Amino acid sequence: MGFWELVIIGVVALLVLGPERLPGALRSVHKTIRGVKQFGQQMQAELSENLRAHELHQKLKSAEEKGLTNLTADEQAALEELKQAAADVTAPLSTSKPSVHSEPKTPDEPKS
């Protein structure tokens, strides 16, 4: 939209809404536009992640069909990424065992 189109929209909004309600309407429109943009960014990030996971799955499937020998660089990288992800998941589980060290309780001194 050009400058003059925005001016015309602003004048019409001022005439329709009046000077009292125009600031609230502008805030509402701004909040709605911001929400739509955030939703679009979230959807784009989710689609990118899904596409990446699909590509990784295809590379791993191809590597498996080859019997994990004579792999291309992409297949090898996908296999290494899978190994790293598995290590990241299992490492916290093996090191997070709570250690219970209780100190012996000392008897309370009798009150006189």
PDB file of N, CA and C in Angstrom:
ATOM      1  N   MET A   1       0.844  -1.177   0.000  1.00  0.00           N
ATOM      2  CA  MET A   1       0.000   0.000   0.000  1.00  0.00           C
ATOM      3  C   MET A   1       0.884   1.232   0.000  1.00  0.00           C
ATOM      4  N   GLY A   2       0.423   2.231  -0.715  1.00  0.00           N
ATOM      5  CA  GLY A   2       1.155   3.471  -0.791  1.00  0.00           C
ATOM      6  C   GLY A   2       0.766   4.423   0.331  1.00  0.00           C
ATOM      7  N   PHE A   3       1.476   5.528   0.379  1.00  0.00           N
ATOM      8  CA  PHE A   3       1.247   6.520   1.424  1.00  0.00           C
ATOM      9  C   PHE A   3      -0.167   7.085   1.359  1.00  0.00           C
ATOM     10  N   TRP A   4      -0.630   7.442   0.165  1.00  0.00           N
ATOM     11  CA  TRP A   4      -1.947   8.066   0.036  1.00  0.00           C
ATOM     12  C   TRP A   4      -3.079   7.102   0.371  1.00  0.00           C
ATOM     13  N   GLU A   5      -2.864   5.837   0.072  1.00  0.00           N
ATOM     14  CA  GLU A   5      -3.882   4.851   0.443  1.00  0.00           C
ATOM     15  C   GLU A   5      -4.018   4.756   1.962  1.00  0.00           C
ATOM     16  N   LEU A   6      -2.873   4.794   2.663  1.00  0.00           N
ATOM     17  CA  LEU A   6      -2.910   4.772   4.124  1.00  0.00           C
ATOM     18  C   LEU A   6      -3.571   6.027   4.691  1.00  0.00           C
ATOM     19  N   VAL A   7      -3.318   7.164   4.060  1.00  0.00           N
ATOM     20  CA  VAL A   7      -3.943   8.417   4.516  1.00  0.00           C
ATOM     21  C   VAL A   7      -5.458   8.326   4.354  1.00  0.00           C
ATOM     22  N   ILE A   8      -5.916   7.821   3.227  1.00  0.00           N
ATOM     23  CA  ILE A   8      -7.359   7.707   2.991  1.00  0.00           C
ATOM     24  C   ILE A   8      -7.992   6.751   4.000  1.00  0.00           C
ATOM     25  N   ILE A   9      -7.327   5.611   4.269  1.00  0.00           N
ATOM     26  CA  ILE A   9      -7.843   4.665   5.260  1.00  0.00           C
ATOM     27  C   ILE A   9      -7.895   5.318   6.637  1.00  0.00           C
ATOM     28  N   GLY A  10      -6.870   6.096   6.979  1.00  0.00           N
ATOM     29  CA  GLY A  10      -6.841   6.781   8.269  1.00  0.00           C
ATOM     30  C   GLY A  10      -7.963   7.795   8.403  1.00  0.00           C
ATOM     31  N   VAL A  11      -8.221   8.561   7.348  1.00  0.00           N
ATOM     32  CA  VAL A  11      -9.291   9.569   7.388  1.00  0.00           C
ATOM     33  C   VAL A  11     -10.649   8.892   7.510  1.00  0.00           C
ATOM     34  N   VAL A  12     -10.876   7.826   6.755  1.00  0.00           N
ATOM     35  CA  VAL A  12     -12.149   7.108   6.830  1.00  0.00           C
ATOM     36  C   VAL A  12     -12.332   6.504   8.223  1.00  0.00           C
ATOM     37  N   ALA A  13     -11.261   5.916   8.774  1.00  0.00           N
ATOM     38  CA  ALA A  13     -11.350   5.349  10.118  1.00  0.00           C
ATOM     39  C   ALA A  13     -11.652   6.431  11.139  1.00  0.00           C
ATOM     40  N   LEU A  14     -11.053   7.602  10.997  1.00  0.00           N
ATOM     41  CA  LEU A  14     -11.303   8.707  11.915  1.00  0.00           C
ATOM     42  C   LEU A  14     -12.755   9.161  11.827  1.00  0.00           C
ATOM     43  N   LEU A  15     -13.292   9.236  10.615  1.00  0.00           N
ATOM     44  CA  LEU A  15     -14.683   9.645  10.437  1.00  0.00           C
ATOM     45  C   LEU A  15     -15.657   8.590  10.983  1.00  0.00           C
ATOM     46  N   VAL A  16     -15.351   7.312  10.764  1.00  0.00           N
ATOM     47  CA  VAL A  16     -16.267   6.253  11.180  1.00  0.00           C
ATOM     48  C   VAL A  16     -16.193   6.025  12.691  1.00  0.00           C
ATOM     49  N   LEU A  17     -14.981   5.909  13.214  1.00  0.00           N
ATOM     50  CA  LEU A  17     -14.820   5.573  14.623  1.00  0.00           C
ATOM     51  C   LEU A  17     -14.818   6.782  15.545  1.00  0.00           C
ATOM     52  N   GLY A  18     -14.358   7.881  15.045  1.00  0.00           N
ATOM     53  CA  GLY A  18     -14.241   9.067  15.883  1.00  0.00           C
ATOM     54  C   GLY A  18     -12.907   9.080  16.607  1.00  0.00           C
ATOM     55  N   PRO A  19     -12.527  10.228  17.120  1.00  0.00           N
ATOM     56  CA  PRO A  19     -11.217  10.352  17.762  1.00  0.00           C
ATOM     57  C   PRO A  19     -11.110   9.599  19.086  1.00  0.00           C
ATOM     58  N   GLU A  20     -12.237   9.270  19.713  1.00  0.00           N
ATOM     59  CA  GLU A  20     -12.192   8.581  21.001  1.00  0.00           C
ATOM     60  C   GLU A  20     -11.851   7.098  20.844  1.00  0.00           C
ATOM     61  N   ARG A  21     -12.429   6.455  19.844  1.00  0.00           N
ATOM     62  CA  ARG A  21     -12.258   5.015  19.678  1.00  0.00           C
ATOM     63  C   ARG A  21     -11.140   4.638  18.715  1.00  0.00           C
ATOM     64  N   LEU A  22     -10.602   5.582  17.989  1.00  0.00           N
ATOM     65  CA  LEU A  22      -9.574   5.271  16.993  1.00  0.00           C
ATOM     66  C   LEU A  22      -8.303   4.683  17.616  1.00  0.00           C
ATOM     67  N   PRO A  23      -7.755   5.246  18.712  1.00  0.00           N
ATOM     68  CA  PRO A  23      -6.533   4.643  19.287  1.00  0.00           C
ATOM     69  C   PRO A  23      -6.738   3.193  19.731  1.00  0.00           C
ATOM     70  N   GLY A  24      -7.873   2.895  20.339  1.00  0.00           N
ATOM     71  CA  GLY A  24      -8.150   1.513  20.751  1.00  0.00           C
ATOM     72  C   GLY A  24      -8.274   0.586  19.555  1.00  0.00           C
ATOM     73  N   ALA A  25      -8.895   1.063  18.489  1.00  0.00           N
ATOM     74  CA  ALA A  25      -9.040   0.252  17.284  1.00  0.00           C
ATOM     75  C   ALA A  25      -7.677  -0.005  16.644  1.00  0.00           C
ATOM     76  N   LEU A  26      -6.807   1.005  16.653  1.00  0.00           N
ATOM     77  CA  LEU A  26      -5.463   0.824  16.094  1.00  0.00           C
ATOM     78  C   LEU A  26      -4.666  -0.192  16.913  1.00  0.00           C
ATOM     79  N   ARG A  27      -4.780  -0.127  18.237  1.00  0.00           N
ATOM     80  CA  ARG A  27      -4.094  -1.107  19.078  1.00  0.00           C
ATOM     81  C   ARG A  27      -4.622  -2.509  18.800  1.00  0.00           C
ATOM     82  N   SER A  28      -5.919  -2.644  18.650  1.00  0.00           N
ATOM     83  CA  SER A  28      -6.523  -3.940  18.383  1.00  0.00           C
ATOM     84  C   SER A  28      -6.056  -4.506  17.041  1.00  0.00           C
ATOM     85  N   VAL A  29      -6.026  -3.658  16.027  1.00  0.00           N
ATOM     86  CA  VAL A  29      -5.557  -4.092  14.706  1.00  0.00           C
ATOM     87  C   VAL A  29      -4.090  -4.487  14.778  1.00  0.00           C
ATOM     88  N   HIS A  30      -3.295  -3.695  15.497  1.00  0.00           N
ATOM     89  CA  HIS A  30      -1.867  -3.993  15.637  1.00  0.00           C
ATOM     90  C   HIS A  30      -1.660  -5.338  16.344  1.00  0.00           C
ATOM     91  N   LYS A  31      -2.428  -5.586  17.402  1.00  0.00           N
ATOM     92  CA  LYS A  31      -2.308  -6.842  18.143  1.00  0.00           C
ATOM     93  C   LYS A  31      -2.702  -8.021  17.251  1.00  0.00           C
ATOM     94  N   THR A  32      -3.746  -7.856  16.464  1.00  0.00           N
ATOM     95  CA  THR A  32      -4.189  -8.924  15.574  1.00  0.00           C
ATOM     96  C   THR A  32      -3.136  -9.221  14.513  1.00  0.00           C
ATOM     97  N   ILE A  33      -2.575  -8.189  13.915  1.00  0.00           N
ATOM     98  CA  ILE A  33      -1.544  -8.374  12.887  1.00  0.00           C
ATOM     99  C   ILE A  33      -0.319  -9.055  13.493  1.00  0.00           C
ATOM    100  N   ARG A  34       0.077  -8.633  14.690  1.00  0.00           N
ATOM    101  CA  ARG A  34       1.228  -9.245  15.357  1.00  0.00           C
ATOM    102  C   ARG A  34       0.957 -10.726  15.637  1.00  0.00           C
ATOM    103  N   GLY A  35      -0.258 -11.052  16.063  1.00  0.00           N
ATOM    104  CA  GLY A  35      -0.611 -12.448  16.313  1.00  0.00           C
ATOM    105  C   GLY A  35      -0.562 -13.291  15.051  1.00  0.00           C
ATOM    106  N   VAL A  36      -1.046 -12.731  13.951  1.00  0.00           N
ATOM    107  CA  VAL A  36      -1.017 -13.456  12.677  1.00  0.00           C
ATOM    108  C   VAL A  36       0.427 -13.679  12.237  1.00  0.00           C
ATOM    109  N   LYS A  37       1.274 -12.688  12.404  1.00  0.00           N
ATOM    110  CA  LYS A  37       2.687 -12.825  12.028  1.00  0.00           C
ATOM    111  C   LYS A  37       3.369 -13.889  12.879  1.00  0.00           C
ATOM    112  N   GLN A  38       3.108 -13.891  14.190  1.00  0.00           N
ATOM    113  CA  GLN A  38       3.705 -14.893  15.067  1.00  0.00           C
ATOM    114  C   GLN A  38       3.235 -16.297  14.694  1.00  0.00           C
ATOM    115  N   PHE A  39       1.956 -16.418  14.382  1.00  0.00           N
ATOM    116  CA  PHE A  39       1.429 -17.711  13.964  1.00  0.00           C
ATOM    117  C   PHE A  39       2.114 -18.179  12.685  1.00  0.00           C
ATOM    118  N   GLY A  40       2.286 -17.264  11.740  1.00  0.00           N
ATOM    119  CA  GLY A  40       2.965 -17.601  10.490  1.00  0.00           C
ATOM    120  C   GLY A  40       4.400 -18.040  10.720  1.00  0.00           C
ATOM    121  N   GLN A  41       5.101 -17.355  11.618  1.00  0.00           N
ATOM    122  CA  GLN A  41       6.482 -17.727  11.921  1.00  0.00           C
ATOM    123  C   GLN A  41       6.540 -19.091  12.596  1.00  0.00           C
ATOM    124  N   GLN A  42       5.614 -19.362  13.506  1.00  0.00           N
ATOM    125  CA  GLN A  42       5.582 -20.664  14.176  1.00  0.00           C
ATOM    126  C   GLN A  42       5.300 -21.787  13.173  1.00  0.00           C
ATOM    127  N   MET A  43       4.371 -21.541  12.269  1.00  0.00           N
ATOM    128  CA  MET A  43       4.044 -22.548  11.266  1.00  0.00           C
ATOM    129  C   MET A  43       5.233 -22.788  10.341  1.00  0.00           C
ATOM    130  N   GLN A  44       5.925 -21.716   9.963  1.00  0.00           N
ATOM    131  CA  GLN A  44       7.090 -21.849   9.099  1.00  0.00           C
ATOM    132  C   GLN A  44       8.187 -22.651   9.798  1.00  0.00           C
ATOM    133  N   ALA A  45       8.419 -22.370  11.070  1.00  0.00           N
ATOM    134  CA  ALA A  45       9.436 -23.106  11.824  1.00  0.00           C
ATOM    135  C   ALA A  45       9.052 -24.581  11.952  1.00  0.00           C
ATOM    136  N   GLU A  46       7.782 -24.847  12.210  1.00  0.00           N
ATOM    137  CA  GLU A  46       7.330 -26.238  12.348  1.00  0.00           C
ATOM    138  C   GLU A  46       7.443 -26.981  11.023  1.00  0.00           C
ATOM    139  N   LEU A  47       7.067 -26.329   9.932  1.00  0.00           N
ATOM    140  CA  LEU A  47       7.183 -26.968   8.622  1.00  0.00           C
ATOM    141  C   LEU A  47       8.641 -27.229   8.267  1.00  0.00           C
ATOM    142  N   SER A  48       9.514 -26.289   8.582  1.00  0.00           N
ATOM    143  CA  SER A  48      10.944 -26.482   8.321  1.00  0.00           C
ATOM    144  C   SER A  48      11.485 -27.658   9.114  1.00  0.00           C
ATOM    145  N   GLU A  49      11.077 -27.764  10.368  1.00  0.00           N
ATOM    146  CA  GLU A  49      11.530 -28.872  11.205  1.00  0.00           C
ATOM    147  C   GLU A  49      11.001 -30.200  10.676  1.00  0.00           C
ATOM    148  N   ASN A  50       9.748 -30.221  10.248  1.00  0.00           N
ATOM    149  CA  ASN A  50       9.179 -31.448   9.694  1.00  0.00           C
ATOM    150  C   ASN A  50       9.879 -31.849   8.396  1.00  0.00           C
ATOM    151  N   LEU A  51      10.185 -30.867   7.554  1.00  0.00           N
ATOM    152  CA  LEU A  51      10.891 -31.144   6.312  1.00  0.00           C
ATOM    153  C   LEU A  51      12.287 -31.686   6.606  1.00  0.00           C
ATOM    154  N   ARG A  52      12.953 -31.100   7.581  1.00  0.00           N
ATOM    155  CA  ARG A  52      14.291 -31.548   7.971  1.00  0.00           C
ATOM    156  C   ARG A  52      14.235 -32.983   8.494  1.00  0.00           C
ATOM    157  N   ALA A  53      13.236 -33.284   9.318  1.00  0.00           N
ATOM    158  CA  ALA A  53      13.089 -34.636   9.844  1.00  0.00           C
ATOM    159  C   ALA A  53      12.803 -35.631   8.722  1.00  0.00           C
ATOM    160  N   HIS A  54      11.994 -35.222   7.746  1.00  0.00           N
ATOM    161  CA  HIS A  54      11.684 -36.100   6.625  1.00  0.00           C
ATOM    162  C   HIS A  54      12.937 -36.380   5.794  1.00  0.00           C
ATOM    163  N   GLU A  55      13.726 -35.343   5.528  1.00  0.00           N
ATOM    164  CA  GLU A  55      14.962 -35.525   4.768  1.00  0.00           C
ATOM    165  C   GLU A  55      15.927 -36.433   5.523  1.00  0.00           C
ATOM    166  N   LEU A  56      16.030 -36.241   6.830  1.00  0.00           N
ATOM    167  CA  LEU A  56      16.897 -37.081   7.647  1.00  0.00           C
ATOM    168  C   LEU A  56      16.418 -38.533   7.600  1.00  0.00           C
ATOM    169  N   HIS A  57      15.126 -38.723   7.678  1.00  0.00           N
ATOM    170  CA  HIS A  57      14.563 -40.074   7.609  1.00  0.00           C
ATOM    171  C   HIS A  57      14.890 -40.725   6.268  1.00  0.00           C
ATOM    172  N   GLN A  58      14.766 -39.982   5.187  1.00  0.00           N
ATOM    173  CA  GLN A  58      15.059 -40.532   3.867  1.00  0.00           C
ATOM    174  C   GLN A  58      16.537 -40.926   3.749  1.00  0.00           C
ATOM    175  N   LYS A  59      17.422 -40.087   4.287  1.00  0.00           N
ATOM    176  CA  LYS A  59      18.855 -40.392   4.225  1.00  0.00           C
ATOM    177  C   LYS A  59      19.179 -41.622   5.064  1.00  0.00           C
ATOM    178  N   LEU A  60      18.565 -41.728   6.239  1.00  0.00           N
ATOM    179  CA  LEU A  60      18.798 -42.896   7.081  1.00  0.00           C
ATOM    180  C   LEU A  60      18.240 -44.163   6.438  1.00  0.00           C
ATOM    181  N   LYS A  61      17.105 -44.044   5.786  1.00  0.00           N
ATOM    182  CA  LYS A  61      16.513 -45.182   5.098  1.00  0.00           C
ATOM    183  C   LYS A  61      17.429 -45.645   3.966  1.00  0.00           C
ATOM    184  N   SER A  62      17.989 -44.695   3.238  1.00  0.00           N
ATOM    185  CA  SER A  62      18.914 -45.022   2.156  1.00  0.00           C
ATOM    186  C   SER A  62      20.170 -45.698   2.706  1.00  0.00           C
ATOM    187  N   ALA A  63      20.665 -45.188   3.845  1.00  0.00           N
ATOM    188  CA  ALA A  63      21.848 -45.788   4.460  1.00  0.00           C
ATOM    189  C   ALA A  63      21.550 -47.208   4.924  1.00  0.00           C
ATOM    190  N   GLU A  64      20.368 -47.424   5.459  1.00  0.00           N
ATOM    191  CA  GLU A  64      19.989 -48.752   5.922  1.00  0.00           C
ATOM    192  C   GLU A  64      19.885 -49.727   4.750  1.00  0.00           C
ATOM    193  N   GLU A  65      19.367 -49.259   3.619  1.00  0.00           N
ATOM    194  CA  GLU A  65      19.260 -50.113   2.440  1.00  0.00           C
ATOM    195  C   GLU A  65      20.630 -50.543   1.937  1.00  0.00           C
ATOM    196  N   LYS A  66      21.637 -49.689   2.146  1.00  0.00           N
ATOM    197  CA  LYS A  66      23.003 -50.016   1.732  1.00  0.00           C
ATOM    198  C   LYS A  66      23.706 -50.896   2.757  1.00  0.00           C
ATOM    199  N   GLY A  67      23.046 -51.196   3.846  1.00  0.00           N
ATOM    200  CA  GLY A  67      23.656 -52.012   4.882  1.00  0.00           C
ATOM    201  C   GLY A  67      24.680 -51.246   5.693  1.00  0.00           C
ATOM    202  N   LEU A  68      24.556 -49.937   5.738  1.00  0.00           N
ATOM    203  CA  LEU A  68      25.443 -49.042   6.481  1.00  0.00           C
ATOM    204  C   LEU A  68      26.892 -49.138   6.019  1.00  0.00           C
ATOM    205  N   THR A  69      27.099 -49.518   4.770  1.00  0.00           N
ATOM    206  CA  THR A  69      28.443 -49.524   4.191  1.00  0.00           C
ATOM    207  C   THR A  69      28.437 -48.699   2.919  1.00  0.00           C
ATOM    208  N   ASN A  70      29.598 -48.142   2.580  1.00  0.00           N
ATOM    209  CA  ASN A  70      29.754 -47.303   1.378  1.00  0.00           C
ATOM    210  C   ASN A  70      28.736 -46.163   1.368  1.00  0.00           C
ATOM    211  N   LEU A  71      28.655 -45.422   2.469  1.00  0.00           N
ATOM    212  CA  LEU A  71      27.673 -44.348   2.606  1.00  0.00           C
ATOM    213  C   LEU A  71      28.200 -43.063   1.976  1.00  0.00           C
ATOM    214  N   THR A  72      27.273 -42.271   1.458  1.00  0.00           N
ATOM    215  CA  THR A  72      27.645 -40.946   0.969  1.00  0.00           C
ATOM    216  C   THR A  72      27.865 -40.027   2.169  1.00  0.00           C
ATOM    217  N   ALA A  73      28.390 -38.860   1.910  1.00  0.00           N
ATOM    218  CA  ALA A  73      28.660 -37.909   2.990  1.00  0.00           C
ATOM    219  C   ALA A  73      27.360 -37.491   3.682  1.00  0.00           C
ATOM    220  N   ASP A  74      26.303 -37.292   2.916  1.00  0.00           N
ATOM    221  CA  ASP A  74      25.012 -36.913   3.499  1.00  0.00           C
ATOM    222  C   ASP A  74      24.461 -38.026   4.384  1.00  0.00           C
ATOM    223  N   GLU A  75      24.570 -39.254   3.924  1.00  0.00           N
ATOM    224  CA  GLU A  75      24.069 -40.374   4.714  1.00  0.00           C
ATOM    225  C   GLU A  75      24.890 -40.553   5.991  1.00  0.00           C
ATOM    226  N   GLN A  76      26.199 -40.369   5.871  1.00  0.00           N
ATOM    227  CA  GLN A  76      27.062 -40.478   7.043  1.00  0.00           C
ATOM    228  C   GLN A  76      26.742 -39.379   8.054  1.00  0.00           C
ATOM    229  N   ALA A  77      26.511 -38.167   7.553  1.00  0.00           N
ATOM    230  CA  ALA A  77      26.162 -37.055   8.442  1.00  0.00           C
ATOM    231  C   ALA A  77      24.824 -37.316   9.135  1.00  0.00           C
ATOM    232  N   ALA A  78      23.862 -37.869   8.412  1.00  0.00           N
ATOM    233  CA  ALA A  78      22.564 -38.185   9.007  1.00  0.00           C
ATOM    234  C   ALA A  78      22.713 -39.258  10.075  1.00  0.00           C
ATOM    235  N   LEU A  79      23.550 -40.241   9.830  1.00  0.00           N
ATOM    236  CA  LEU A  79      23.784 -41.297  10.809  1.00  0.00           C
ATOM    237  C   LEU A  79      24.459 -40.736  12.061  1.00  0.00           C
ATOM    238  N   GLU A  80      25.426 -39.861  11.878  1.00  0.00           N
ATOM    239  CA  GLU A  80      26.102 -39.234  13.020  1.00  0.00           C
ATOM    240  C   GLU A  80      25.132 -38.363  13.822  1.00  0.00           C
ATOM    241  N   GLU A  81      24.258 -37.649  13.115  1.00  0.00           N
ATOM    242  CA  GLU A  81      23.268 -36.809  13.800  1.00  0.00           C
ATOM    243  C   GLU A  81      22.315 -37.661  14.630  1.00  0.00           C
ATOM    244  N   LEU A  82      21.935 -38.807  14.100  1.00  0.00           N
ATOM    245  CA  LEU A  82      21.062 -39.716  14.837  1.00  0.00           C
ATOM    246  C   LEU A  82      21.774 -40.268  16.072  1.00  0.00           C
ATOM    247  N   LYS A  83      23.043 -40.636  15.914  1.00  0.00           N
ATOM    248  CA  LYS A  83      23.807 -41.128  17.063  1.00  0.00           C
ATOM    249  C   LYS A  83      23.932 -40.057  18.139  1.00  0.00           C
ATOM    250  N   GLN A  84      24.176 -38.808  17.728  1.00  0.00           N
ATOM    251  CA  GLN A  84      24.310 -37.711  18.688  1.00  0.00           C
ATOM    252  C   GLN A  84      22.987 -37.452  19.404  1.00  0.00           C
ATOM    253  N   ALA A  85      21.891 -37.509  18.667  1.00  0.00           N
ATOM    254  CA  ALA A  85      20.578 -37.311  19.287  1.00  0.00           C
ATOM    255  C   ALA A  85      20.290 -38.410  20.294  1.00  0.00           C
ATOM    256  N   ALA A  86      20.650 -39.637  19.965  1.00  0.00           N
ATOM    257  CA  ALA A  86      20.436 -40.745  20.896  1.00  0.00           C
ATOM    258  C   ALA A  86      21.300 -40.574  22.137  1.00  0.00           C
ATOM    259  N   ALA A  87      22.529 -40.110  21.957  1.00  0.00           N
ATOM    260  CA  ALA A  87      23.416 -39.888  23.105  1.00  0.00           C
ATOM    261  C   ALA A  87      22.886 -38.754  23.980  1.00  0.00           C
ATOM    262  N   ASP A  88      22.355 -37.716  23.353  1.00  0.00           N
ATOM    263  CA  ASP A  88      21.806 -36.589  24.114  1.00  0.00           C
ATOM    264  C   ASP A  88      20.604 -37.009  24.948  1.00  0.00           C
ATOM    265  N   VAL A  89      19.823 -37.941  24.424  1.00  0.00           N
ATOM    266  CA  VAL A  89      18.635 -38.389  25.145  1.00  0.00           C
ATOM    267  C   VAL A  89      19.011 -39.320  26.291  1.00  0.00           C
ATOM    268  N   THR A  90      19.949 -40.228  26.052  1.00  0.00           N
ATOM    269  CA  THR A  90      20.284 -41.217  27.076  1.00  0.00           C
ATOM    270  C   THR A  90      21.237 -40.684  28.132  1.00  0.00           C
ATOM    271  N   ALA A  91      22.057 -39.690  27.810  1.00  0.00           N
ATOM    272  CA  ALA A  91      23.036 -39.177  28.779  1.00  0.00           C
ATOM    273  C   ALA A  91      22.375 -38.599  30.024  1.00  0.00           C
ATOM    274  N   PRO A  92      21.376 -37.742  29.920  1.00  0.00           N
ATOM    275  CA  PRO A  92      20.762 -37.213  31.140  1.00  0.00           C
ATOM    276  C   PRO A  92      20.099 -38.300  31.991  1.00  0.00           C
ATOM    277  N   LEU A  93      19.600 -39.330  31.370  1.00  0.00           N
ATOM    278  CA  LEU A  93      18.938 -40.392  32.118  1.00  0.00           C
ATOM    279  C   LEU A  93      19.937 -41.197  32.938  1.00  0.00           C
ATOM    280  N   SER A  94      21.124 -41.409  32.409  1.00  0.00           N
ATOM    281  CA  SER A  94      22.098 -42.224  33.129  1.00  0.00           C
ATOM    282  C   SER A  94      22.816 -41.443  34.214  1.00  0.00           C
ATOM    283  N   THR A  95      22.891 -40.122  34.095  1.00  0.00           N
ATOM    284  CA  THR A  95      23.607 -39.323  35.092  1.00  0.00           C
ATOM    285  C   THR A  95      22.690 -38.648  36.085  1.00  0.00           C
ATOM    286  N   SER A  96      21.405 -38.757  35.915  1.00  0.00           N
ATOM    287  CA  SER A  96      20.491 -38.028  36.796  1.00  0.00           C
ATOM    288  C   SER A  96      19.952 -38.885  37.929  1.00  0.00           C
ATOM    289  N   LYS A  97      20.615 -39.984  38.249  1.00  0.00           N
ATOM    290  CA  LYS A  97      20.159 -40.799  39.369  1.00  0.00           C
ATOM    291  C   LYS A  97      20.353 -40.010  40.655  1.00  0.00           C
ATOM    292  N   PRO A  98      19.306 -39.827  41.408  1.00  0.00           N
ATOM    293  CA  PRO A  98      19.443 -39.037  42.632  1.00  0.00           C
ATOM    294  C   PRO A  98      20.279 -39.786  43.654  1.00  0.00           C
ATOM    295  N   SER A  99      21.214 -39.080  44.213  1.00  0.00           N
ATOM    296  CA  SER A  99      22.026 -39.688  45.260  1.00  0.00           C
ATOM    297  C   SER A  99      21.468 -39.229  46.594  1.00  0.00           C
ATOM    298  N   VAL A 100      21.179 -40.188  47.420  1.00  0.00           N
ATOM    299  CA  VAL A 100      20.563 -39.886  48.706  1.00  0.00           C
ATOM    300  C   VAL A 100      21.629 -40.054  49.770  1.00  0.00           C
ATOM    301  N   HIS A 101      22.059 -38.950  50.292  1.00  0.00           N
ATOM    302  CA  HIS A 101      23.023 -38.956  51.392  1.00  0.00           C
ATOM    303  C   HIS A 101      22.332 -38.323  52.580  1.00  0.00           C
ATOM    304  N   SER A 102      21.965 -39.138  53.520  1.00  0.00           N
ATOM    305  CA  SER A 102      21.318 -38.580  54.694  1.00  0.00           C
ATOM    306  C   SER A 102      22.316 -38.568  55.831  1.00  0.00           C
ATOM    307  N   GLU A 103      22.358 -37.496  56.524  1.00  0.00           N
ATOM    308  CA  GLU A 103      23.259 -37.378  57.656  1.00  0.00           C
ATOM    309  C   GLU A 103      22.573 -37.967  58.871  1.00  0.00           C
ATOM    310  N   PRO A 104      23.352 -38.594  59.734  1.00  0.00           N
ATOM    311  CA  PRO A 104      22.721 -39.167  60.923  1.00  0.00           C
ATOM    312  C   PRO A 104      22.100 -38.078  61.771  1.00  0.00           C
ATOM    313  N   LYS A 105      20.944 -38.395  62.266  1.00  0.00           N
ATOM    314  CA  LYS A 105      20.248 -37.420  63.099  1.00  0.00           C
ATOM    315  C   LYS A 105      20.870 -37.410  64.485  1.00  0.00           C
ATOM    316  N   THR A 106      21.052 -36.230  64.971  1.00  0.00           N
ATOM    317  CA  THR A 106      21.568 -36.091  66.325  1.00  0.00           C
ATOM    318  C   THR A 106      20.380 -35.956  67.267  1.00  0.00           C
ATOM    319  N   PRO A 107      20.462 -36.578  68.404  1.00  0.00           N
ATOM    320  CA  PRO A 107      19.321 -36.483  69.328  1.00  0.00           C
ATOM    321  C   PRO A 107      19.177 -35.050  69.824  1.00  0.00           C
ATOM    322  N   ASP A 108      17.947 -34.663  69.930  1.00  0.00           N
ATOM    323  CA  ASP A 108      17.680 -33.306  70.445  1.00  0.00           C
ATOM    324  C   ASP A 108      18.065 -33.243  71.911  1.00  0.00           C
ATOM    325  N   GLU A 109      18.610 -32.103  72.262  1.00  0.00           N
ATOM    326  CA  GLU A 109      18.977 -31.933  73.669  1.00  0.00           C
ATOM    327  C   GLU A 109      17.713 -31.741  74.496  1.00  0.00           C
ATOM    328  N   PRO A 110      17.653 -32.378  75.619  1.00  0.00           N
ATOM    329  CA  PRO A 110      16.445 -32.216  76.456  1.00  0.00           C
ATOM    330  C   PRO A 110      16.361 -30.787  76.978  1.00  0.00           C
ATOM    331  N   LYS A 111      15.172 -30.291  76.971  1.00  0.00           N
ATOM    332  CA  LYS A 111      14.953 -28.933  77.459  1.00  0.00           C
ATOM    333  C   LYS A 111      14.704 -29.001  78.960  1.00  0.00           C
ATOM    334  N   SER A 112      15.306 -28.045  79.719  1.00  0.00           N
ATOM    335  CA  SER A 112      15.101 -28.056  81.152  1.00  0.00           C
ATOM    336  C   SER A 112      14.091 -27.046  81.578  1.00  0.00           C
TER     337      SER A 112
END
